[in-house]
Protein backbone atom coordinates (compact mmCIF):
# COMPACT_ATOMS: atom_id res chain seq x y z
CA MET A 1 24.49 -74.76 -106.05
CA THR A 2 22.63 -71.39 -106.12
CA VAL A 3 24.39 -68.43 -104.68
CA THR A 4 22.05 -66.61 -102.53
CA THR A 5 24.44 -63.54 -102.59
CA GLY A 6 23.01 -60.27 -103.62
CA ARG A 7 25.21 -58.61 -106.33
CA PRO A 8 26.46 -55.40 -105.44
CA LYS A 9 25.44 -52.10 -107.75
CA ALA A 10 28.14 -50.33 -109.52
CA VAL A 11 29.18 -47.32 -108.29
CA GLU A 12 28.35 -44.73 -110.95
CA THR A 13 30.63 -41.94 -109.75
CA VAL A 14 33.58 -43.95 -109.36
CA THR A 15 35.35 -45.40 -112.40
CA ALA A 16 37.66 -48.24 -112.60
CA VAL A 17 38.73 -48.71 -116.14
CA GLN A 18 38.49 -46.17 -118.75
CA VAL A 19 38.45 -46.51 -122.69
CA ASN A 20 38.59 -43.90 -124.47
CA GLY A 21 38.93 -43.95 -128.68
CA VAL A 22 40.90 -47.04 -128.37
CA SER A 23 42.47 -48.72 -131.43
CA LYS A 24 45.02 -51.13 -132.32
CA ARG A 25 47.04 -52.45 -135.44
CA TYR A 26 49.62 -54.86 -135.51
CA GLY A 27 52.51 -53.60 -137.64
CA ARG A 28 51.24 -52.72 -141.07
CA GLY A 29 48.04 -54.97 -140.65
CA PRO A 30 44.62 -54.24 -140.70
CA LEU A 31 42.96 -52.63 -137.61
CA VAL A 32 41.96 -55.04 -134.62
CA LEU A 33 40.03 -52.66 -132.83
CA ASP A 34 38.63 -49.14 -133.81
CA GLY A 35 37.74 -46.41 -131.64
CA ILE A 36 36.32 -48.15 -128.32
CA ASP A 37 34.60 -46.22 -126.14
CA LEU A 38 34.36 -48.31 -122.90
CA GLU A 39 33.82 -47.76 -119.02
CA ALA A 40 33.67 -49.99 -116.14
CA SER A 41 32.71 -48.69 -112.32
CA GLN A 42 33.57 -49.80 -109.34
CA GLY A 43 32.44 -52.95 -108.31
CA GLU A 44 30.89 -53.41 -111.74
CA PHE A 45 30.74 -56.88 -113.81
CA VAL A 46 30.81 -56.26 -117.43
CA SER A 47 30.98 -58.95 -119.71
CA ILE A 48 32.27 -58.76 -123.21
CA LEU A 49 31.06 -60.61 -126.27
CA GLY A 50 31.94 -61.20 -129.84
CA ALA A 51 32.52 -63.15 -132.92
CA SER A 52 35.76 -65.15 -133.46
CA GLY A 53 38.92 -62.82 -133.75
CA CYS A 54 36.75 -59.34 -133.75
CA GLY A 55 39.54 -58.28 -130.34
CA LYS A 56 37.81 -59.30 -127.61
CA SER A 57 41.34 -60.73 -126.04
CA THR A 58 43.71 -57.71 -127.30
CA LEU A 59 40.87 -55.65 -125.65
CA LEU A 60 41.94 -57.04 -122.59
CA SER A 61 45.94 -56.88 -122.81
CA LEU A 62 45.35 -53.40 -123.91
CA VAL A 63 43.48 -52.94 -120.19
CA ALA A 64 46.15 -55.07 -118.84
CA GLY A 65 49.12 -53.23 -120.09
CA LEU A 66 50.43 -55.93 -121.72
CA GLU A 67 49.90 -54.27 -124.69
CA LYS A 68 50.34 -50.39 -126.31
CA THR A 69 47.21 -48.84 -127.93
CA THR A 70 47.97 -47.57 -131.40
CA ALA A 71 45.79 -44.65 -131.08
CA GLY A 72 43.37 -43.56 -128.03
CA THR A 73 43.66 -44.03 -123.85
CA ILE A 74 43.05 -46.75 -121.29
CA THR A 75 43.07 -45.14 -117.38
CA THR A 76 42.95 -47.56 -114.52
CA PRO A 77 42.37 -45.45 -112.13
CA ALA A 78 41.66 -48.66 -109.34
CA GLY A 79 44.89 -49.23 -109.91
CA ARG A 80 47.09 -52.31 -112.52
CA PRO A 81 44.46 -55.02 -113.17
CA SER A 82 45.17 -58.73 -112.92
CA LEU A 83 44.60 -60.72 -115.97
CA MET A 84 43.35 -64.63 -115.77
CA PHE A 85 43.15 -66.78 -119.07
CA GLN A 86 41.62 -69.42 -120.88
CA GLU A 87 44.06 -71.43 -119.50
CA ALA A 88 45.26 -72.01 -115.71
CA ALA A 89 48.90 -71.36 -116.47
CA LEU A 90 50.30 -72.78 -113.64
CA TYR A 91 53.89 -73.69 -113.15
CA PRO A 92 53.28 -77.59 -113.04
CA TRP A 93 56.84 -77.57 -110.87
CA LEU A 94 55.41 -75.39 -107.80
CA THR A 95 52.78 -76.59 -105.87
CA ALA A 96 49.39 -74.86 -105.91
CA GLY A 97 50.59 -72.93 -102.77
CA GLN A 98 53.90 -71.87 -104.36
CA ASN A 99 51.95 -70.80 -107.39
CA ILE A 100 49.87 -68.61 -105.01
CA GLY A 101 53.21 -67.56 -103.40
CA LEU A 102 54.96 -66.46 -105.88
CA ALA A 103 52.37 -63.57 -107.30
CA LEU A 104 52.66 -62.71 -103.38
CA LYS A 105 56.45 -62.44 -104.02
CA LEU A 106 55.86 -60.14 -106.58
CA ARG A 107 53.85 -58.50 -104.99
CA GLY A 108 56.04 -57.82 -101.78
CA VAL A 109 54.14 -59.74 -99.35
CA PRO A 110 57.41 -60.69 -96.62
CA ARG A 111 58.04 -63.95 -96.37
CA GLN A 112 56.64 -64.80 -92.99
CA GLU A 113 53.50 -63.41 -94.26
CA ARG A 114 53.23 -65.46 -97.28
CA ALA A 115 51.35 -69.32 -95.89
CA GLY A 116 48.73 -67.35 -93.90
CA GLU A 117 48.07 -65.20 -96.61
CA ILE A 118 48.25 -68.30 -99.26
CA GLU A 119 45.95 -70.31 -96.96
CA ARG A 120 43.35 -67.29 -97.10
CA LEU A 121 42.89 -67.44 -100.78
CA LEU A 122 42.89 -71.17 -101.08
CA ALA A 123 40.08 -70.81 -98.36
CA LEU A 124 38.56 -67.89 -100.61
CA VAL A 125 38.29 -70.07 -103.86
CA ARG A 126 37.42 -73.00 -101.34
CA LEU A 127 40.26 -75.16 -102.06
CA SER A 128 41.73 -75.37 -98.21
CA GLY A 129 44.11 -78.14 -97.59
CA SER A 130 45.07 -77.87 -101.17
CA ALA A 131 48.64 -76.02 -100.81
CA ASP A 132 50.81 -78.91 -101.32
CA ALA A 133 49.21 -80.27 -104.52
CA ARG A 134 50.98 -79.93 -107.70
CA PRO A 135 48.63 -79.13 -110.79
CA HIS A 136 48.51 -82.31 -112.71
CA GLU A 137 47.00 -83.73 -109.38
CA LEU A 138 43.67 -81.34 -110.02
CA SER A 139 41.35 -80.96 -111.96
CA GLY A 140 40.60 -78.22 -114.17
CA GLY A 141 38.15 -76.49 -112.19
CA MET A 142 40.40 -76.94 -109.16
CA ARG A 143 43.00 -75.74 -111.00
CA GLN A 144 41.21 -72.55 -112.38
CA ARG A 145 40.05 -71.72 -108.75
CA VAL A 146 43.93 -71.57 -108.17
CA ALA A 147 44.57 -69.16 -110.69
CA MET A 148 41.46 -67.62 -109.49
CA ALA A 149 43.26 -67.10 -105.65
CA ARG A 150 46.75 -66.65 -107.98
CA ALA A 151 45.20 -63.36 -109.51
CA LEU A 152 43.55 -62.06 -106.36
CA ALA A 153 46.55 -62.43 -104.85
CA GLN A 154 48.11 -59.26 -106.55
CA ASP A 155 45.56 -57.65 -104.55
CA ALA A 156 44.28 -55.88 -107.57
CA ARG A 157 40.78 -53.94 -107.85
CA VAL A 158 40.11 -54.96 -111.83
CA LEU A 159 39.56 -58.56 -112.47
CA LEU A 160 40.37 -59.07 -116.29
CA MET A 161 39.11 -62.40 -117.16
CA ASP A 162 39.44 -63.99 -120.94
CA GLU A 163 37.08 -67.08 -121.14
CA PRO A 164 38.49 -68.82 -118.46
CA PHE A 165 35.91 -71.55 -117.95
CA ALA A 166 35.59 -72.19 -121.93
CA ALA A 167 37.69 -75.68 -122.09
CA LEU A 168 35.68 -76.76 -118.83
CA ASP A 169 32.53 -79.44 -119.10
CA ALA A 170 28.98 -77.61 -118.51
CA ILE A 171 28.96 -78.88 -114.93
CA THR A 172 32.29 -77.57 -113.52
CA ARG A 173 31.97 -74.18 -115.45
CA ASP A 174 27.95 -74.00 -113.94
CA ALA A 175 29.77 -74.19 -110.17
CA LEU A 176 32.81 -71.84 -111.06
CA HIS A 177 30.29 -69.39 -112.12
CA ASP A 178 28.54 -70.06 -109.09
CA GLU A 179 31.87 -69.61 -107.28
CA LEU A 180 32.95 -65.99 -109.08
CA VAL A 181 29.42 -64.71 -108.70
CA ARG A 182 30.56 -65.24 -104.75
CA LEU A 183 33.80 -63.88 -105.07
CA TRP A 184 33.03 -61.18 -106.73
CA SER A 185 30.04 -60.22 -104.38
CA GLU A 186 32.38 -60.70 -101.23
CA THR A 187 35.48 -58.05 -102.66
CA GLY A 188 33.48 -55.78 -104.74
CA LEU A 189 36.15 -56.09 -107.09
CA THR A 190 35.69 -54.71 -110.66
CA VAL A 191 35.60 -57.73 -113.10
CA VAL A 192 35.66 -57.49 -116.79
CA PHE A 193 35.04 -60.86 -118.52
CA VAL A 194 35.61 -62.01 -121.96
CA THR A 195 33.41 -64.93 -123.57
CA HIS A 196 32.13 -66.14 -126.77
CA ASN A 197 29.24 -67.35 -124.71
CA VAL A 198 26.22 -65.34 -125.03
CA ARG A 199 24.85 -67.37 -122.26
CA GLU A 200 27.30 -66.79 -119.76
CA ALA A 201 28.05 -63.28 -120.57
CA VAL A 202 23.96 -63.18 -119.30
CA ARG A 203 24.54 -65.72 -116.74
CA LEU A 204 27.14 -63.33 -115.01
CA GLY A 205 27.10 -59.99 -116.01
CA GLN A 206 25.32 -56.94 -115.06
CA ARG A 207 26.34 -55.32 -118.41
CA VAL A 208 26.88 -56.77 -121.69
CA VAL A 209 29.31 -55.61 -124.20
CA LEU A 210 28.61 -56.39 -128.03
CA LEU A 211 31.90 -55.91 -130.20
CA SER A 212 31.69 -55.90 -133.97
CA SER A 213 33.45 -58.12 -136.39
CA ARG A 214 36.91 -57.09 -137.14
CA PRO A 215 37.71 -54.02 -136.64
CA GLY A 216 36.11 -54.37 -133.30
CA ARG A 217 34.06 -51.68 -131.91
CA VAL A 218 30.87 -51.62 -129.74
CA LEU A 219 28.44 -52.30 -131.09
CA ARG A 220 25.92 -52.17 -128.49
CA SER A 221 25.25 -52.86 -125.30
CA TRP A 222 22.58 -54.20 -123.00
CA ASP A 223 21.80 -53.77 -118.87
CA VAL A 224 21.04 -57.13 -117.02
CA ALA A 225 17.98 -56.64 -115.20
CA ILE A 226 17.48 -60.06 -113.68
CA ASP A 227 16.77 -59.17 -109.84
CA GLY A 228 18.43 -62.23 -107.70
CA PRO A 229 20.00 -65.17 -108.48
CA ARG A 230 20.73 -66.94 -111.84
CA ARG A 231 21.18 -70.21 -113.49
CA ILE A 232 22.38 -70.48 -117.02
CA GLU A 233 19.30 -72.33 -117.62
CA SER A 234 16.55 -69.77 -116.15
CA ALA A 235 13.84 -68.23 -118.55
CA ALA A 236 15.45 -64.90 -117.88
CA VAL A 237 18.48 -65.25 -119.04
CA ALA A 238 17.64 -67.39 -122.10
CA ASN A 239 15.21 -64.61 -122.72
CA LEU A 240 18.32 -62.01 -123.10
CA SER A 241 20.37 -63.97 -124.44
CA VAL A 242 18.02 -64.50 -127.78
CA GLU A 243 18.36 -60.96 -127.76
CA ILE A 244 21.68 -60.83 -127.68
CA THR A 245 22.37 -63.93 -130.29
CA ASP A 246 20.42 -62.43 -132.81
CA ALA A 247 22.27 -59.25 -132.83
CA LEU A 248 25.41 -61.24 -132.82
CA ARG A 249 24.32 -63.45 -135.58
CA ALA A 250 23.14 -60.16 -137.29
CA GLU A 251 26.65 -59.33 -137.05
CA ILE A 252 28.68 -61.98 -138.11
CA ALA A 253 25.97 -62.52 -141.47
CA ARG A 254 27.08 -58.56 -142.32
CA HIS A 255 30.88 -59.00 -141.96
CA ALA A 256 30.77 -62.36 -144.58
CA ARG A 257 28.52 -60.41 -146.63
C-alpha cells in the first residue's frame, strides 16, 4: 500500500517539545545523556537514531515525564505526551476495546461516551469490529494498532514512540509505517520516533537526529527533503540512509577506540 496523503509541514513558530541542556545519570554511575538540546515543532515528525545504549529510550522517558533529569529542562507546551513502547503492552485479560477504554477512563471520558470513542479509535487504526478480541487473538501488527489507538485515546498532541515496530516482520512493519504516516497526516500530531533502523528513520521522519554513543549528545541532524510518498526501498530514502549510516558507523568506531 502506498500512502498518498500529503505530509503536513511543521509549524515553525509553535513548539511542541523543548529540551534544553538535559543530562541524565543514574545514581553515581556515568552520564547516560549529556547536554541534550532538541526541539520538535507542532505537527513535526522527528526520528531519533543512535547506537544501542546511547540513551534514546532514556530521552523519551524524560520527555514523557516518567523520569527526572539530572540537569537541564524539558517543557512540552503542547501538553503531556503519550508514549508507545516496542511491545504493545496490552493487558491480556482485557479485550482490545477494554484496553482502549481504560485509557479513556483515566482521561476522564464519561462511561456513556466511551463505546463510541472506542469504535472511532479502532476505525482510525483500521481495526473496526475488533473491540471484543483479546490480545492473544490478534497478530503482532494488530496488537500494535491497538496500542496506537490506546495512545491516541489519551488525546495527547505529542506521541513518543520507542522502537514500536522493531519486533515485527518486514511486511507488517512496512504496512504500519503507512498507517502511522496516515494517522500523523490526519491528526496533526507531533511525533518523536526512536529507532535503530536508519532506513525506517528516513522513511518516516521530516528530520533525523543522530545521538552520539554514551553519553548521548546530539551529534548531527538531517532535514529529510523527499517529496511525495516514501517507500523504505526507494532510491531517495536509500541515498540519505547511506549518508546517515556512514556517520553512525564513524561514531560507533570512534567510541570503540
